[in-house]
Amino acid sequence: MERKYGHKGYQESSRDDRDRKRTPPPQPLTPEERAQQRSLRHAVQREAQEVLRCPNCGRNVIASGLVTAESLCPHCAAPLHACRACRHFDTSARWACRAQVPAPIAEKSKANDCALFEGRFVLDATGKRTSGGGTASDPKSQFESLFKR
């Protein structure tokens, strides 16, 4: 019987020959090897800080301690002890709070003395990158180190 495609190389080897030529599957990595690969993949690490986002301007305020009723945003002077900066703030919940508050608070962006207030802290990893060793602190040397070969 004549084949449909008569050019040289068509169906020279069978499927079994092609399957035998495949490389064997890689051996599973140990947990130590996996951790090493993960650390090498991200050779440059970032500094991470826990911050509180201002409900008014959206800038990050470093969480240096307890947020009191007198705490203000250093950028826009908005109060940080407000419902909009609370972990329990939810516009779809009753009185816009997931916590069981005894009475509604009318102004969500103004300072209040709610006893159930917990700041909505987030981990900010968008800061400056740090290299494995020590880095020069002045900006000029950092800029020049970008173009070294």
C-alpha atoms as a PDB file:
ATOM      1  CA  MET A   1       0.000   0.000   0.000  1.00  0.00           C
ATOM      2  CA  GLU A   2       1.303   3.396  -0.885  1.00  0.00           C
ATOM      3  CA  ARG A   3       1.403   6.159   1.694  1.00  0.00           C
ATOM      4  CA  LYS A   4      -0.422   9.426   1.179  1.00  0.00           C
ATOM      5  CA  TYR A   5       2.724  11.480   1.701  1.00  0.00           C
ATOM      6  CA  GLY A   6       5.645   9.919  -0.090  1.00  0.00           C
ATOM      7  CA  HIS A   7       8.365  12.408   0.831  1.00  0.00           C
ATOM      8  CA  LYS A   8      11.401  11.210   2.725  1.00  0.00           C
ATOM      9  CA  GLY A   9      11.201  11.350   6.512  1.00  0.00           C
ATOM     10  CA  TYR A  10       7.452  10.879   6.854  1.00  0.00           C
ATOM     11  CA  GLN A  11       6.724   8.123   9.367  1.00  0.00           C
ATOM     12  CA  GLU A  12      10.326   6.940   9.447  1.00  0.00           C
ATOM     13  CA  SER A  13      10.079   6.118  13.105  1.00  0.00           C
ATOM     14  CA  SER A  14       7.142   4.815  15.020  1.00  0.00           C
ATOM     15  CA  ARG A  15       5.515   6.441  18.011  1.00  0.00           C
ATOM     16  CA  ASP A  16       7.322   4.053  20.376  1.00  0.00           C
ATOM     17  CA  ASP A  17      10.710   5.283  19.147  1.00  0.00           C
ATOM     18  CA  ARG A  18       9.747   8.889  19.851  1.00  0.00           C
ATOM     19  CA  ASP A  19       8.506   8.030  23.346  1.00  0.00           C
ATOM     20  CA  ARG A  20      11.788   6.264  24.180  1.00  0.00           C
ATOM     21  CA  LYS A  21      13.795   9.354  23.221  1.00  0.00           C
ATOM     22  CA  ARG A  22      12.103  11.529  25.823  1.00  0.00           C
ATOM     23  CA  THR A  23      14.120  12.500  28.868  1.00  0.00           C
ATOM     24  CA  PRO A  24      13.113  10.951  32.161  1.00  0.00           C
ATOM     25  CA  PRO A  25      11.056  13.163  34.494  1.00  0.00           C
ATOM     26  CA  PRO A  26      13.145  15.236  36.917  1.00  0.00           C
ATOM     27  CA  GLN A  27      13.608  13.912  40.428  1.00  0.00           C
ATOM     28  CA  PRO A  28      11.494  15.677  43.071  1.00  0.00           C
ATOM     29  CA  LEU A  29      13.379  18.346  44.992  1.00  0.00           C
ATOM     30  CA  THR A  30      14.007  18.155  48.692  1.00  0.00           C
ATOM     31  CA  PRO A  31      12.525  20.927  50.845  1.00  0.00           C
ATOM     32  CA  GLU A  32      15.998  22.444  51.268  1.00  0.00           C
ATOM     33  CA  GLU A  33      16.552  22.541  47.487  1.00  0.00           C
ATOM     34  CA  ARG A  34      13.120  24.080  46.945  1.00  0.00           C
ATOM     35  CA  ALA A  35      13.853  26.795  49.518  1.00  0.00           C
ATOM     36  CA  GLN A  36      17.215  27.489  47.889  1.00  0.00           C
ATOM     37  CA  GLN A  37      15.626  27.824  44.433  1.00  0.00           C
ATOM     38  CA  ARG A  38      12.982  30.155  45.842  1.00  0.00           C
ATOM     39  CA  SER A  39      15.615  32.370  47.475  1.00  0.00           C
ATOM     40  CA  LEU A  40      17.704  32.463  44.307  1.00  0.00           C
ATOM     41  CA  ARG A  41      14.690  33.380  42.214  1.00  0.00           C
ATOM     42  CA  HIS A  42      14.253  36.494  44.334  1.00  0.00           C
ATOM     43  CA  ALA A  43      17.897  37.364  44.863  1.00  0.00           C
ATOM     44  CA  VAL A  44      16.994  40.927  45.696  1.00  0.00           C
ATOM     45  CA  GLN A  45      14.816  41.177  48.767  1.00  0.00           C
ATOM     46  CA  ARG A  46      12.552  44.037  49.759  1.00  0.00           C
ATOM     47  CA  GLU A  47      12.126  45.651  53.110  1.00  0.00           C
ATOM     48  CA  ALA A  48       8.618  45.205  54.470  1.00  0.00           C
ATOM     49  CA  GLN A  49       6.878  47.327  57.080  1.00  0.00           C
ATOM     50  CA  GLU A  50       3.494  47.148  58.710  1.00  0.00           C
ATOM     51  CA  VAL A  51       1.627  50.334  57.812  1.00  0.00           C
ATOM     52  CA  LEU A  52      -1.765  51.929  58.239  1.00  0.00           C
ATOM     53  CA  ARG A  53      -3.245  53.527  55.116  1.00  0.00           C
ATOM     54  CA  CYS A  54      -4.733  56.952  55.630  1.00  0.00           C
ATOM     55  CA  PRO A  55      -8.462  56.854  54.818  1.00  0.00           C
ATOM     56  CA  ASN A  56      -8.306  60.370  53.387  1.00  0.00           C
ATOM     57  CA  CYS A  57      -5.187  60.574  51.188  1.00  0.00           C
ATOM     58  CA  GLY A  58      -4.324  56.855  50.910  1.00  0.00           C
ATOM     59  CA  ARG A  59      -0.676  57.285  51.867  1.00  0.00           C
ATOM     60  CA  ASN A  60       1.062  54.827  54.152  1.00  0.00           C
ATOM     61  CA  VAL A  61       1.592  55.792  57.777  1.00  0.00           C
ATOM     62  CA  ILE A  62       4.170  53.665  59.581  1.00  0.00           C
ATOM     63  CA  ALA A  63       2.506  51.739  62.403  1.00  0.00           C
ATOM     64  CA  SER A  64       4.764  52.759  65.251  1.00  0.00           C
ATOM     65  CA  GLY A  65       2.356  51.808  67.990  1.00  0.00           C
ATOM     66  CA  LEU A  66      -1.199  52.153  69.174  1.00  0.00           C
ATOM     67  CA  VAL A  67      -3.473  54.458  67.188  1.00  0.00           C
ATOM     68  CA  THR A  68      -5.139  56.865  69.609  1.00  0.00           C
ATOM     69  CA  ALA A  69      -8.067  59.237  69.094  1.00  0.00           C
ATOM     70  CA  GLU A  70      -5.565  62.093  68.681  1.00  0.00           C
ATOM     71  CA  SER A  71      -3.511  60.336  65.963  1.00  0.00           C
ATOM     72  CA  LEU A  72      -3.332  62.292  62.711  1.00  0.00           C
ATOM     73  CA  CYS A  73      -1.964  61.540  59.253  1.00  0.00           C
ATOM     74  CA  PRO A  74       1.393  63.331  58.834  1.00  0.00           C
ATOM     75  CA  HIS A  75       0.573  64.116  55.181  1.00  0.00           C
ATOM     76  CA  CYS A  76      -2.993  65.488  55.241  1.00  0.00           C
ATOM     77  CA  ALA A  77      -3.745  65.812  58.994  1.00  0.00           C
ATOM     78  CA  ALA A  78      -6.805  63.538  58.756  1.00  0.00           C
ATOM     79  CA  PRO A  79      -7.704  61.562  61.904  1.00  0.00           C
ATOM     80  CA  LEU A  80      -6.475  57.964  61.898  1.00  0.00           C
ATOM     81  CA  HIS A  81      -8.788  56.766  64.684  1.00  0.00           C
ATOM     82  CA  ALA A  82     -11.822  56.864  62.376  1.00  0.00           C
ATOM     83  CA  CYS A  83     -14.231  54.198  61.161  1.00  0.00           C
ATOM     84  CA  ARG A  84     -12.820  54.274  57.636  1.00  0.00           C
ATOM     85  CA  ALA A  85      -9.379  53.239  58.963  1.00  0.00           C
ATOM     86  CA  CYS A  86     -10.793  50.437  61.135  1.00  0.00           C
ATOM     87  CA  ARG A  87     -10.424  46.738  60.404  1.00  0.00           C
ATOM     88  CA  HIS A  88     -14.159  46.225  61.037  1.00  0.00           C
ATOM     89  CA  PHE A  89     -15.325  48.905  58.556  1.00  0.00           C
ATOM     90  CA  ASP A  90     -17.662  47.360  55.972  1.00  0.00           C
ATOM     91  CA  THR A  91     -20.219  49.413  54.054  1.00  0.00           C
ATOM     92  CA  SER A  92     -22.457  46.378  53.499  1.00  0.00           C
ATOM     93  CA  ALA A  93     -22.732  45.567  57.215  1.00  0.00           C
ATOM     94  CA  ARG A  94     -25.198  47.064  59.671  1.00  0.00           C
ATOM     95  CA  TRP A  95     -24.092  50.598  60.608  1.00  0.00           C
ATOM     96  CA  ALA A  96     -21.081  50.000  58.300  1.00  0.00           C
ATOM     97  CA  CYS A  97     -19.289  47.934  60.948  1.00  0.00           C
ATOM     98  CA  ARG A  98     -18.744  44.173  61.229  1.00  0.00           C
ATOM     99  CA  ALA A  99     -18.244  44.493  64.995  1.00  0.00           C
ATOM    100  CA  GLN A 100     -21.254  44.609  67.309  1.00  0.00           C
ATOM    101  CA  VAL A 101     -21.318  48.335  68.057  1.00  0.00           C
ATOM    102  CA  PRO A 102     -23.966  49.576  70.509  1.00  0.00           C
ATOM    103  CA  ALA A 103     -24.859  52.694  68.489  1.00  0.00           C
ATOM    104  CA  PRO A 104     -24.147  53.944  64.985  1.00  0.00           C
ATOM    105  CA  ILE A 105     -21.408  56.484  64.367  1.00  0.00           C
ATOM    106  CA  ALA A 106     -22.637  59.176  61.998  1.00  0.00           C
ATOM    107  CA  GLU A 107     -19.379  60.522  60.553  1.00  0.00           C
ATOM    108  CA  LYS A 108     -17.182  57.620  59.407  1.00  0.00           C
ATOM    109  CA  SER A 109     -14.207  59.808  58.437  1.00  0.00           C
ATOM    110  CA  LYS A 110     -14.036  61.865  61.645  1.00  0.00           C
ATOM    111  CA  ALA A 111     -12.190  60.896  64.825  1.00  0.00           C
ATOM    112  CA  ASN A 112     -14.189  58.866  67.324  1.00  0.00           C
ATOM    113  CA  ASP A 113     -13.662  57.063  70.614  1.00  0.00           C
ATOM    114  CA  CYS A 114     -14.976  53.632  69.605  1.00  0.00           C
ATOM    115  CA  ALA A 115     -13.704  50.968  72.005  1.00  0.00           C
ATOM    116  CA  LEU A 116     -13.827  48.298  69.269  1.00  0.00           C
ATOM    117  CA  PHE A 117     -11.473  50.186  66.927  1.00  0.00           C
ATOM    118  CA  GLU A 118      -8.650  48.117  65.437  1.00  0.00           C
ATOM    119  CA  GLY A 119      -6.462  49.698  62.798  1.00  0.00           C
ATOM    120  CA  ARG A 120      -6.460  48.100  59.362  1.00  0.00           C
ATOM    121  CA  PHE A 121      -2.734  47.412  59.108  1.00  0.00           C
ATOM    122  CA  VAL A 122      -1.246  46.095  55.885  1.00  0.00           C
ATOM    123  CA  LEU A 123       2.201  44.807  55.018  1.00  0.00           C
ATOM    124  CA  ASP A 124       3.886  47.289  52.683  1.00  0.00           C
ATOM    125  CA  ALA A 125       6.627  45.647  50.630  1.00  0.00           C
ATOM    126  CA  THR A 126       6.932  48.411  48.047  1.00  0.00           C
ATOM    127  CA  GLY A 127       9.807  50.110  49.818  1.00  0.00           C
ATOM    128  CA  LYS A 128      13.399  50.309  48.669  1.00  0.00           C
ATOM    129  CA  ARG A 129      15.098  47.117  47.652  1.00  0.00           C
ATOM    130  CA  THR A 130      17.935  45.787  49.731  1.00  0.00           C
ATOM    131  CA  SER A 131      20.704  43.654  48.309  1.00  0.00           C
ATOM    132  CA  GLY A 132      22.165  40.644  50.071  1.00  0.00           C
ATOM    133  CA  GLY A 133      25.178  42.470  51.481  1.00  0.00           C
ATOM    134  CA  GLY A 134      25.544  46.081  52.504  1.00  0.00           C
ATOM    135  CA  THR A 135      24.502  48.878  50.195  1.00  0.00           C
ATOM    136  CA  ALA A 136      25.833  52.358  49.905  1.00  0.00           C
ATOM    137  CA  SER A 137      23.444  54.826  51.448  1.00  0.00           C
ATOM    138  CA  ASP A 138      24.051  57.809  49.174  1.00  0.00           C
ATOM    139  CA  PRO A 139      21.857  58.059  46.060  1.00  0.00           C
ATOM    140  CA  LYS A 140      24.699  58.816  43.635  1.00  0.00           C
ATOM    141  CA  SER A 141      26.519  55.552  44.344  1.00  0.00           C
ATOM    142  CA  GLN A 142      23.234  53.645  44.120  1.00  0.00           C
ATOM    143  CA  PHE A 143      22.572  55.208  40.716  1.00  0.00           C
ATOM    144  CA  GLU A 144      26.060  54.373  39.462  1.00  0.00           C
ATOM    145  CA  SER A 145      25.763  50.783  40.710  1.00  0.00           C
ATOM    146  CA  LEU A 146      22.804  50.298  38.359  1.00  0.00           C
ATOM    147  CA  PHE A 147      25.057  50.566  35.297  1.00  0.00           C
ATOM    148  CA  LYS A 148      28.064  48.517  36.443  1.00  0.00           C
ATOM    149  CA  ARG A 149      28.832  45.447  34.386  1.00  0.00           C
END
